[in-house]
């Protein structure tokens, strides 16, 4: 399944949840503590999304947006119902994943 995310690097916590903007298809908000330096935020996003969907890290790959805050990820084995749950959470409503 393909997921579009809006990344907030350098956040206090790592959190996956909430809808960014009012666009279609919906964009999932992802906050990561890692800074946007040397691909660290990209790796943190892949890990956070994998944890949020309950899949292995290797099942998440960055398809586009390597240098952008808006990214498209492929999530193998991702559940569309879980994506809907994550989109309905209020952004920053608490960690959806553990600290990284």
PDB file of N, CA and C in Angstrom:
ATOM      1  N   UNK A   1       0.845  -1.159   0.000  1.00  0.00           N
ATOM      2  CA  UNK A   1       0.000   0.000   0.000  1.00  0.00           C
ATOM      3  C   UNK A   1       0.894   1.225   0.000  1.00  0.00           C
ATOM      4  N   UNK A   2       0.448   2.255  -0.665  1.00  0.00           N
ATOM      5  CA  UNK A   2       1.213   3.496  -0.768  1.00  0.00           C
ATOM      6  C   UNK A   2       0.655   4.514   0.223  1.00  0.00           C
ATOM      7  N   UNK A   3       1.555   5.167   0.981  1.00  0.00           N
ATOM      8  CA  UNK A   3       1.160   6.137   2.006  1.00  0.00           C
ATOM      9  C   UNK A   3       1.941   7.433   1.781  1.00  0.00           C
ATOM     10  N   UNK A   4       1.218   8.546   1.729  1.00  0.00           N
ATOM     11  CA  UNK A   4       1.861   9.859   1.646  1.00  0.00           C
ATOM     12  C   UNK A   4       1.938  10.421   3.055  1.00  0.00           C
ATOM     13  N   UNK A   5       3.123  10.916   3.430  1.00  0.00           N
ATOM     14  CA  UNK A   5       3.322  11.454   4.774  1.00  0.00           C
ATOM     15  C   UNK A   5       3.902  12.866   4.708  1.00  0.00           C
ATOM     16  N   UNK A   6       3.634  13.628   5.743  1.00  0.00           N
ATOM     17  CA  UNK A   6       4.245  14.944   5.928  1.00  0.00           C
ATOM     18  C   UNK A   6       5.111  14.836   7.170  1.00  0.00           C
ATOM     19  N   UNK A   7       6.396  15.066   7.012  1.00  0.00           N
ATOM     20  CA  UNK A   7       7.375  14.834   8.067  1.00  0.00           C
ATOM     21  C   UNK A   7       7.715  16.127   8.799  1.00  0.00           C
ATOM     22  N   UNK A   8       7.814  16.008  10.117  1.00  0.00           N
ATOM     23  CA  UNK A   8       8.261  17.098  10.985  1.00  0.00           C
ATOM     24  C   UNK A   8       9.515  16.607  11.701  1.00  0.00           C
ATOM     25  N   UNK A   9      10.715  16.826  11.099  1.00  0.00           N
ATOM     26  CA  UNK A   9      11.959  16.359  11.725  1.00  0.00           C
ATOM     27  C   UNK A   9      12.329  17.232  12.919  1.00  0.00           C
ATOM     28  N   UNK A  10      13.150  16.686  13.780  1.00  0.00           N
ATOM     29  CA  UNK A  10      13.630  17.436  14.939  1.00  0.00           C
ATOM     30  C   UNK A  10      12.570  17.654  16.002  1.00  0.00           C
ATOM     31  N   UNK A  11      11.529  16.828  16.005  1.00  0.00           N
ATOM     32  CA  UNK A  11      10.460  16.947  17.007  1.00  0.00           C
ATOM     33  C   UNK A  11      10.934  16.418  18.351  1.00  0.00           C
ATOM     34  N   UNK A  12      10.215  16.781  19.364  1.00  0.00           N
ATOM     35  CA  UNK A  12      10.516  16.326  20.714  1.00  0.00           C
ATOM     36  C   UNK A  12      10.323  14.823  20.854  1.00  0.00           C
ATOM     37  N   UNK A  13       9.294  14.312  20.160  1.00  0.00           N
ATOM     38  CA  UNK A  13       8.954  12.894  20.240  1.00  0.00           C
ATOM     39  C   UNK A  13       8.780  12.331  18.835  1.00  0.00           C
ATOM     40  N   UNK A  14       8.792  11.013  18.757  1.00  0.00           N
ATOM     41  CA  UNK A  14       8.441  10.341  17.515  1.00  0.00           C
ATOM     42  C   UNK A  14       6.976   9.956  17.621  1.00  0.00           C
ATOM     43  N   UNK A  15       6.182  10.377  16.619  1.00  0.00           N
ATOM     44  CA  UNK A  15       4.739  10.184  16.675  1.00  0.00           C
ATOM     45  C   UNK A  15       4.205  10.038  15.256  1.00  0.00           C
ATOM     46  N   UNK A  16       3.321   9.081  15.063  1.00  0.00           N
ATOM     47  CA  UNK A  16       2.670   8.892  13.769  1.00  0.00           C
ATOM     48  C   UNK A  16       1.182   9.021  13.998  1.00  0.00           C
ATOM     49  N   UNK A  17       0.570   9.996  13.367  1.00  0.00           N
ATOM     50  CA  UNK A  17      -0.878  10.128  13.501  1.00  0.00           C
ATOM     51  C   UNK A  17      -1.345  11.529  13.214  1.00  0.00           C
ATOM     52  N   UNK A  18      -2.533  11.614  12.660  1.00  0.00           N
ATOM     53  CA  UNK A  18      -3.138  12.884  12.312  1.00  0.00           C
ATOM     54  C   UNK A  18      -3.076  13.098  10.816  1.00  0.00           C
ATOM     55  N   UNK A  19      -3.967  13.928  10.364  1.00  0.00           N
ATOM     56  CA  UNK A  19      -4.068  14.238   8.941  1.00  0.00           C
ATOM     57  C   UNK A  19      -3.457  15.612   8.697  1.00  0.00           C
ATOM     58  N   UNK A  20      -2.624  15.714   7.672  1.00  0.00           N
ATOM     59  CA  UNK A  20      -2.008  16.988   7.315  1.00  0.00           C
ATOM     60  C   UNK A  20      -2.823  17.610   6.190  1.00  0.00           C
ATOM     61  N   UNK A  21      -3.369  18.785   6.448  1.00  0.00           N
ATOM     62  CA  UNK A  21      -4.130  19.497   5.427  1.00  0.00           C
ATOM     63  C   UNK A  21      -5.439  18.814   5.104  1.00  0.00           C
ATOM     64  N   UNK A  22      -6.064  19.291   4.051  1.00  0.00           N
ATOM     65  CA  UNK A  22      -7.347  18.747   3.625  1.00  0.00           C
ATOM     66  C   UNK A  22      -7.248  18.393   2.144  1.00  0.00           C
ATOM     67  N   UNK A  23      -6.407  17.420   1.856  1.00  0.00           N
ATOM     68  CA  UNK A  23      -6.174  17.025   0.471  1.00  0.00           C
ATOM     69  C   UNK A  23      -6.595  15.571   0.279  1.00  0.00           C
ATOM     70  N   UNK A  24      -6.759  15.198  -0.984  1.00  0.00           N
ATOM     71  CA  UNK A  24      -7.101  13.832  -1.297  1.00  0.00           C
ATOM     72  C   UNK A  24      -6.084  13.317  -2.304  1.00  0.00           C
ATOM     73  N   UNK A  25      -5.381  12.226  -2.104  1.00  0.00           N
ATOM     74  CA  UNK A  25      -5.529  11.326  -0.968  1.00  0.00           C
ATOM     75  C   UNK A  25      -4.993  11.956   0.317  1.00  0.00           C
ATOM     76  N   UNK A  26      -5.449  11.454   1.469  1.00  0.00           N
ATOM     77  CA  UNK A  26      -5.031  12.024   2.744  1.00  0.00           C
ATOM     78  C   UNK A  26      -3.535  11.875   2.989  1.00  0.00           C
ATOM     79  N   UNK A  27      -2.984  12.819   3.735  1.00  0.00           N
ATOM     80  CA  UNK A  27      -1.563  12.832   4.058  1.00  0.00           C
ATOM     81  C   UNK A  27      -1.412  12.619   5.558  1.00  0.00           C
ATOM     82  N   UNK A  28      -0.653  11.615   5.935  1.00  0.00           N
ATOM     83  CA  UNK A  28      -0.422  11.239   7.327  1.00  0.00           C
ATOM     84  C   UNK A  28       0.717  12.064   7.916  1.00  0.00           C
ATOM     85  N   UNK A  29       0.523  12.578   9.116  1.00  0.00           N
ATOM     86  CA  UNK A  29       1.556  13.358   9.798  1.00  0.00           C
ATOM     87  C   UNK A  29       2.505  12.421  10.552  1.00  0.00           C
ATOM     88  N   UNK A  30       3.809  12.640  10.370  1.00  0.00           N
ATOM     89  CA  UNK A  30       4.835  11.850  11.059  1.00  0.00           C
ATOM     90  C   UNK A  30       5.832  12.815  11.681  1.00  0.00           C
ATOM     91  N   UNK A  31       5.994  12.711  13.002  1.00  0.00           N
ATOM     92  CA  UNK A  31       6.994  13.507  13.711  1.00  0.00           C
ATOM     93  C   UNK A  31       8.136  12.576  14.121  1.00  0.00           C
ATOM     94  N   UNK A  32       9.357  13.023  13.879  1.00  0.00           N
ATOM     95  CA  UNK A  32      10.523  12.231  14.276  1.00  0.00           C
ATOM     96  C   UNK A  32      11.523  13.132  14.991  1.00  0.00           C
ATOM     97  N   UNK A  33      12.211  12.556  15.952  1.00  0.00           N
ATOM     98  CA  UNK A  33      13.206  13.313  16.708  1.00  0.00           C
ATOM     99  C   UNK A  33      14.471  13.549  15.894  1.00  0.00           C
ATOM    100  N   UNK A  34      14.735  12.692  14.950  1.00  0.00           N
ATOM    101  CA  UNK A  34      15.960  12.802  14.148  1.00  0.00           C
ATOM    102  C   UNK A  34      15.958  14.079  13.305  1.00  0.00           C
ATOM    103  N   UNK A  35      17.112  14.702  13.176  1.00  0.00           N
ATOM    104  CA  UNK A  35      17.203  15.897  12.319  1.00  0.00           C
ATOM    105  C   UNK A  35      17.266  15.502  10.846  1.00  0.00           C
ATOM    106  N   UNK A  36      16.952  16.447   9.998  1.00  0.00           N
ATOM    107  CA  UNK A  36      16.992  16.211   8.544  1.00  0.00           C
ATOM    108  C   UNK A  36      18.415  16.400   8.031  1.00  0.00           C
ATOM    109  N   UNK A  37      19.304  15.539   8.482  1.00  0.00           N
ATOM    110  CA  UNK A  37      20.715  15.606   8.129  1.00  0.00           C
ATOM    111  C   UNK A  37      21.179  14.211   7.721  1.00  0.00           C
ATOM    112  N   UNK A  38      21.828  14.122   6.577  1.00  0.00           N
ATOM    113  CA  UNK A  38      22.428  12.865   6.123  1.00  0.00           C
ATOM    114  C   UNK A  38      21.442  11.696   6.076  1.00  0.00           C
ATOM    115  N   UNK A  39      20.166  11.953   5.774  1.00  0.00           N
ATOM    116  CA  UNK A  39      19.175  10.895   5.642  1.00  0.00           C
ATOM    117  C   UNK A  39      18.666  10.319   6.947  1.00  0.00           C
ATOM    118  N   UNK A  40      19.081  10.911   8.078  1.00  0.00           N
ATOM    119  CA  UNK A  40      18.664  10.362   9.378  1.00  0.00           C
ATOM    120  C   UNK A  40      17.162  10.468   9.577  1.00  0.00           C
ATOM    121  N   UNK A  41      16.556  11.577   9.171  1.00  0.00           N
ATOM    122  CA  UNK A  41      15.109  11.724   9.321  1.00  0.00           C
ATOM    123  C   UNK A  41      14.378  10.725   8.429  1.00  0.00           C
ATOM    124  N   UNK A  42      14.876  10.495   7.220  1.00  0.00           N
ATOM    125  CA  UNK A  42      14.236   9.527   6.325  1.00  0.00           C
ATOM    126  C   UNK A  42      14.230   8.131   6.944  1.00  0.00           C
ATOM    127  N   UNK A  43      15.352   7.721   7.501  1.00  0.00           N
ATOM    128  CA  UNK A  43      15.418   6.403   8.143  1.00  0.00           C
ATOM    129  C   UNK A  43      14.492   6.344   9.354  1.00  0.00           C
ATOM    130  N   UNK A  44      14.425   7.436  10.117  1.00  0.00           N
ATOM    131  CA  UNK A  44      13.538   7.473  11.283  1.00  0.00           C
ATOM    132  C   UNK A  44      12.072   7.406  10.866  1.00  0.00           C
ATOM    133  N   UNK A  45      11.731   8.048   9.757  1.00  0.00           N
ATOM    134  CA  UNK A  45      10.353   8.001   9.249  1.00  0.00           C
ATOM    135  C   UNK A  45       9.997   6.565   8.858  1.00  0.00           C
ATOM    136  N   UNK A  46      10.880   5.903   8.139  1.00  0.00           N
ATOM    137  CA  UNK A  46      10.607   4.518   7.738  1.00  0.00           C
ATOM    138  C   UNK A  46      10.406   3.622   8.955  1.00  0.00           C
ATOM    139  N   UNK A  47      11.235   3.803   9.958  1.00  0.00           N
ATOM    140  CA  UNK A  47      11.117   2.998  11.178  1.00  0.00           C
ATOM    141  C   UNK A  47       9.821   3.311  11.921  1.00  0.00           C
ATOM    142  N   UNK A  48       9.491   4.589  12.061  1.00  0.00           N
ATOM    143  CA  UNK A  48       8.277   4.981  12.776  1.00  0.00           C
ATOM    144  C   UNK A  48       7.027   4.466  12.068  1.00  0.00           C
ATOM    145  N   UNK A  49       6.993   4.567  10.755  1.00  0.00           N
ATOM    146  CA  UNK A  49       5.832   4.091   9.995  1.00  0.00           C
ATOM    147  C   UNK A  49       5.729   2.565  10.109  1.00  0.00           C
ATOM    148  N   UNK A  50       6.847   1.873  10.044  1.00  0.00           N
ATOM    149  CA  UNK A  50       6.835   0.415  10.201  1.00  0.00           C
ATOM    150  C   UNK A  50       6.261   0.044  11.570  1.00  0.00           C
ATOM    151  N   UNK A  51       6.719   0.711  12.623  1.00  0.00           N
ATOM    152  CA  UNK A  51       6.215   0.443  13.969  1.00  0.00           C
ATOM    153  C   UNK A  51       4.722   0.737  14.069  1.00  0.00           C
ATOM    154  N   UNK A  52       4.279   1.839  13.489  1.00  0.00           N
ATOM    155  CA  UNK A  52       2.878   2.238  13.567  1.00  0.00           C
ATOM    156  C   UNK A  52       1.965   1.241  12.845  1.00  0.00           C
ATOM    157  N   UNK A  53       2.458   0.645  11.770  1.00  0.00           N
ATOM    158  CA  UNK A  53       1.663  -0.329  11.022  1.00  0.00           C
ATOM    159  C   UNK A  53       1.890  -1.761  11.490  1.00  0.00           C
ATOM    160  N   UNK A  54       2.849  -1.950  12.394  1.00  0.00           N
ATOM    161  CA  UNK A  54       3.119  -3.287  12.906  1.00  0.00           C
ATOM    162  C   UNK A  54       3.764  -4.211  11.881  1.00  0.00           C
ATOM    163  N   UNK A  55       4.609  -3.634  11.038  1.00  0.00           N
ATOM    164  CA  UNK A  55       5.328  -4.438  10.040  1.00  0.00           C
ATOM    165  C   UNK A  55       6.824  -4.289  10.285  1.00  0.00           C
ATOM    166  N   UNK A  56       7.600  -5.150   9.665  1.00  0.00           N
ATOM    167  CA  UNK A  56       9.054  -5.079   9.795  1.00  0.00           C
ATOM    168  C   UNK A  56       9.583  -3.846   9.057  1.00  0.00           C
ATOM    169  N   UNK A  57      10.659  -3.300   9.535  1.00  0.00           N
ATOM    170  CA  UNK A  57      11.272  -2.107   8.937  1.00  0.00           C
ATOM    171  C   UNK A  57      11.574  -2.316   7.453  1.00  0.00           C
ATOM    172  N   UNK A  58      11.977  -3.522   7.084  1.00  0.00           N
ATOM    173  CA  UNK A  58      12.316  -3.803   5.686  1.00  0.00           C
ATOM    174  C   UNK A  58      11.098  -3.777   4.768  1.00  0.00           C
ATOM    175  N   UNK A  59       9.880  -3.757   5.339  1.00  0.00           N
ATOM    176  CA  UNK A  59       8.653  -3.715   4.552  1.00  0.00           C
ATOM    177  C   UNK A  59       8.224  -2.284   4.220  1.00  0.00           C
ATOM    178  N   UNK A  60       8.983  -1.306   4.667  1.00  0.00           N
ATOM    179  CA  UNK A  60       8.687   0.097   4.379  1.00  0.00           C
ATOM    180  C   UNK A  60       9.832   0.667   3.563  1.00  0.00           C
ATOM    181  N   UNK A  61       9.488   1.281   2.429  1.00  0.00           N
ATOM    182  CA  UNK A  61      10.533   1.881   1.600  1.00  0.00           C
ATOM    183  C   UNK A  61      10.090   3.253   1.108  1.00  0.00           C
ATOM    184  N   UNK A  62      11.035   4.147   1.082  1.00  0.00           N
ATOM    185  CA  UNK A  62      10.808   5.509   0.617  1.00  0.00           C
ATOM    186  C   UNK A  62      10.774   5.503  -0.900  1.00  0.00           C
ATOM    187  N   UNK A  63       9.639   5.870  -1.463  1.00  0.00           N
ATOM    188  CA  UNK A  63       9.471   5.851  -2.915  1.00  0.00           C
ATOM    189  C   UNK A  63       9.849   7.190  -3.526  1.00  0.00           C
ATOM    190  N   UNK A  64       9.438   8.290  -2.890  1.00  0.00           N
ATOM    191  CA  UNK A  64       9.788   9.624  -3.401  1.00  0.00           C
ATOM    192  C   UNK A  64       9.779  10.622  -2.258  1.00  0.00           C
ATOM    193  N   UNK A  65      10.456  11.752  -2.486  1.00  0.00           N
ATOM    194  CA  UNK A  65      10.506  12.810  -1.492  1.00  0.00           C
ATOM    195  C   UNK A  65      11.717  12.749  -0.587  1.00  0.00           C
ATOM    196  N   UNK A  66      12.816  12.223  -1.082  1.00  0.00           N
ATOM    197  CA  UNK A  66      14.017  12.070  -0.253  1.00  0.00           C
ATOM    198  C   UNK A  66      14.472  13.378   0.383  1.00  0.00           C
ATOM    199  N   UNK A  67      14.310  14.492  -0.302  1.00  0.00           N
ATOM    200  CA  UNK A  67      14.761  15.787   0.221  1.00  0.00           C
ATOM    201  C   UNK A  67      13.583  16.716   0.527  1.00  0.00           C
ATOM    202  N   UNK A  68      12.391  16.163   0.650  1.00  0.00           N
ATOM    203  CA  UNK A  68      11.189  16.954   0.876  1.00  0.00           C
ATOM    204  C   UNK A  68      10.532  16.544   2.191  1.00  0.00           C
ATOM    205  N   UNK A  69       9.723  17.431   2.747  1.00  0.00           N
ATOM    206  CA  UNK A  69       8.964  17.064   3.942  1.00  0.00           C
ATOM    207  C   UNK A  69       7.767  16.184   3.598  1.00  0.00           C
ATOM    208  N   UNK A  70       7.313  16.257   2.356  1.00  0.00           N
ATOM    209  CA  UNK A  70       6.229  15.381   1.908  1.00  0.00           C
ATOM    210  C   UNK A  70       6.862  14.200   1.190  1.00  0.00           C
ATOM    211  N   UNK A  71       6.566  13.000   1.672  1.00  0.00           N
ATOM    212  CA  UNK A  71       7.194  11.796   1.153  1.00  0.00           C
ATOM    213  C   UNK A  71       6.124  10.763   0.806  1.00  0.00           C
ATOM    214  N   UNK A  72       6.465   9.883  -0.100  1.00  0.00           N
ATOM    215  CA  UNK A  72       5.594   8.764  -0.443  1.00  0.00           C
ATOM    216  C   UNK A  72       6.338   7.484  -0.073  1.00  0.00           C
ATOM    217  N   UNK A  73       5.667   6.651   0.726  1.00  0.00           N
ATOM    218  CA  UNK A  73       6.252   5.399   1.193  1.00  0.00           C
ATOM    219  C   UNK A  73       5.431   4.223   0.688  1.00  0.00           C
ATOM    220  N   UNK A  74       6.094   3.128   0.408  1.00  0.00           N
ATOM    221  CA  UNK A  74       5.415   1.861   0.146  1.00  0.00           C
ATOM    222  C   UNK A  74       5.487   1.050   1.432  1.00  0.00           C
ATOM    223  N   UNK A  75       4.321   0.578   1.898  1.00  0.00           N
ATOM    224  CA  UNK A  75       4.248  -0.226   3.111  1.00  0.00           C
ATOM    225  C   UNK A  75       3.699  -1.597   2.727  1.00  0.00           C
ATOM    226  N   UNK A  76       4.584  -2.586   2.642  1.00  0.00           N
ATOM    227  CA  UNK A  76       4.156  -3.951   2.319  1.00  0.00           C
ATOM    228  C   UNK A  76       3.401  -4.519   3.517  1.00  0.00           C
ATOM    229  N   UNK A  77       2.211  -5.037   3.267  1.00  0.00           N
ATOM    230  CA  UNK A  77       1.434  -5.630   4.351  1.00  0.00           C
ATOM    231  C   UNK A  77       0.730  -4.606   5.209  1.00  0.00           C
ATOM    232  N   UNK A  78       0.736  -3.333   4.787  1.00  0.00           N
ATOM    233  CA  UNK A  78       0.043  -2.293   5.547  1.00  0.00           C
ATOM    234  C   UNK A  78      -1.460  -2.477   5.471  1.00  0.00           C
ATOM    235  N   UNK A  79      -2.152  -2.251   6.574  1.00  0.00           N
ATOM    236  CA  UNK A  79      -3.593  -2.432   6.661  1.00  0.00           C
ATOM    237  C   UNK A  79      -4.296  -1.091   6.447  1.00  0.00           C
ATOM    238  N   UNK A  80      -5.166  -0.979   5.440  1.00  0.00           N
ATOM    239  CA  UNK A  80      -5.889   0.275   5.199  1.00  0.00           C
ATOM    240  C   UNK A  80      -6.711   0.730   6.403  1.00  0.00           C
ATOM    241  N   UNK A  81      -7.220  -0.209   7.192  1.00  0.00           N
ATOM    242  CA  UNK A  81      -7.977   0.159   8.397  1.00  0.00           C
ATOM    243  C   UNK A  81      -7.060   0.849   9.400  1.00  0.00           C
ATOM    244  N   UNK A  82      -5.831   0.382   9.521  1.00  0.00           N
ATOM    245  CA  UNK A  82      -4.859   1.013  10.431  1.00  0.00           C
ATOM    246  C   UNK A  82      -4.519   2.413   9.947  1.00  0.00           C
ATOM    247  N   UNK A  83      -4.397   2.601   8.631  1.00  0.00           N
ATOM    248  CA  UNK A  83      -4.136   3.933   8.090  1.00  0.00           C
ATOM    249  C   UNK A  83      -5.283   4.876   8.455  1.00  0.00           C
ATOM    250  N   UNK A  84      -6.519   4.426   8.317  1.00  0.00           N
ATOM    251  CA  UNK A  84      -7.670   5.271   8.690  1.00  0.00           C
ATOM    252  C   UNK A  84      -7.617   5.650  10.165  1.00  0.00           C
ATOM    253  N   UNK A  85      -7.254   4.687  11.024  1.00  0.00           N
ATOM    254  CA  UNK A  85      -7.126   4.962  12.469  1.00  0.00           C
ATOM    255  C   UNK A  85      -6.069   6.038  12.718  1.00  0.00           C
ATOM    256  N   UNK A  86      -4.921   5.890  12.078  1.00  0.00           N
ATOM    257  CA  UNK A  86      -3.832   6.846  12.269  1.00  0.00           C
ATOM    258  C   UNK A  86      -4.222   8.239  11.771  1.00  0.00           C
ATOM    259  N   UNK A  87      -4.921   8.302  10.654  1.00  0.00           N
ATOM    260  CA  UNK A  87      -5.348   9.597  10.110  1.00  0.00           C
ATOM    261  C   UNK A  87      -6.347  10.298  11.028  1.00  0.00           C
ATOM    262  N   UNK A  88      -7.141   9.535  11.761  1.00  0.00           N
ATOM    263  CA  UNK A  88      -8.161  10.122  12.625  1.00  0.00           C
ATOM    264  C   UNK A  88      -7.607  10.600  13.961  1.00  0.00           C
ATOM    265  N   UNK A  89      -6.411  10.159  14.337  1.00  0.00           N
ATOM    266  CA  UNK A  89      -5.797  10.634  15.583  1.00  0.00           C
ATOM    267  C   UNK A  89      -5.495  12.115  15.468  1.00  0.00           C
ATOM    268  N   UNK A  90      -5.569  12.815  16.571  1.00  0.00           N
ATOM    269  CA  UNK A  90      -5.162  14.214  16.529  1.00  0.00           C
ATOM    270  C   UNK A  90      -3.636  14.263  16.530  1.00  0.00           C
ATOM    271  N   UNK A  91      -3.045  15.130  15.694  1.00  0.00           N
ATOM    272  CA  UNK A  91      -1.577  15.205  15.647  1.00  0.00           C
ATOM    273  C   UNK A  91      -1.005  15.532  17.014  1.00  0.00           C
ATOM    274  N   UNK A  92       0.036  14.816  17.389  1.00  0.00           N
ATOM    275  CA  UNK A  92       0.673  15.040  18.674  1.00  0.00           C
ATOM    276  C   UNK A  92      -0.137  14.509  19.832  1.00  0.00           C
ATOM    277  N   UNK A  93      -1.116  13.650  19.533  1.00  0.00           N
ATOM    278  CA  UNK A  93      -1.998  13.111  20.570  1.00  0.00           C
ATOM    279  C   UNK A  93      -1.363  12.037  21.425  1.00  0.00           C
ATOM    280  N   UNK A  94      -0.075  11.900  21.362  1.00  0.00           N
ATOM    281  CA  UNK A  94       0.623  10.889  22.141  1.00  0.00           C
ATOM    282  C   UNK A  94       1.398   9.972  21.216  1.00  0.00           C
ATOM    283  N   UNK A  95       2.425   9.380  21.714  1.00  0.00           N
ATOM    284  CA  UNK A  95       3.258   8.551  20.858  1.00  0.00           C
ATOM    285  C   UNK A  95       2.505   7.336  20.336  1.00  0.00           C
ATOM    286  N   UNK A  96       2.555   7.135  19.032  1.00  0.00           N
ATOM    287  CA  UNK A  96       2.011   5.932  18.415  1.00  0.00           C
ATOM    288  C   UNK A  96       3.108   4.887  18.320  1.00  0.00           C
ATOM    289  N   UNK A  97       4.330   5.310  18.546  1.00  0.00           N
ATOM    290  CA  UNK A  97       5.472   4.419  18.502  1.00  0.00           C
ATOM    291  C   UNK A  97       6.379   4.780  19.667  1.00  0.00           C
ATOM    292  N   UNK A  98       7.268   3.877  20.003  1.00  0.00           N
ATOM    293  CA  UNK A  98       8.196   4.154  21.094  1.00  0.00           C
ATOM    294  C   UNK A  98       9.270   5.137  20.685  1.00  0.00           C
ATOM    295  N   UNK A  99      10.002   5.655  21.644  1.00  0.00           N
ATOM    296  CA  UNK A  99      11.076   6.602  21.323  1.00  0.00           C
ATOM    297  C   UNK A  99      12.176   5.927  20.530  1.00  0.00           C
ATOM    298  N   UNK A 100      12.806   6.692  19.675  1.00  0.00           N
ATOM    299  CA  UNK A 100      13.887   6.189  18.820  1.00  0.00           C
ATOM    300  C   UNK A 100      15.159   6.917  19.125  1.00  0.00           C
TER     301      UNK A 100
END
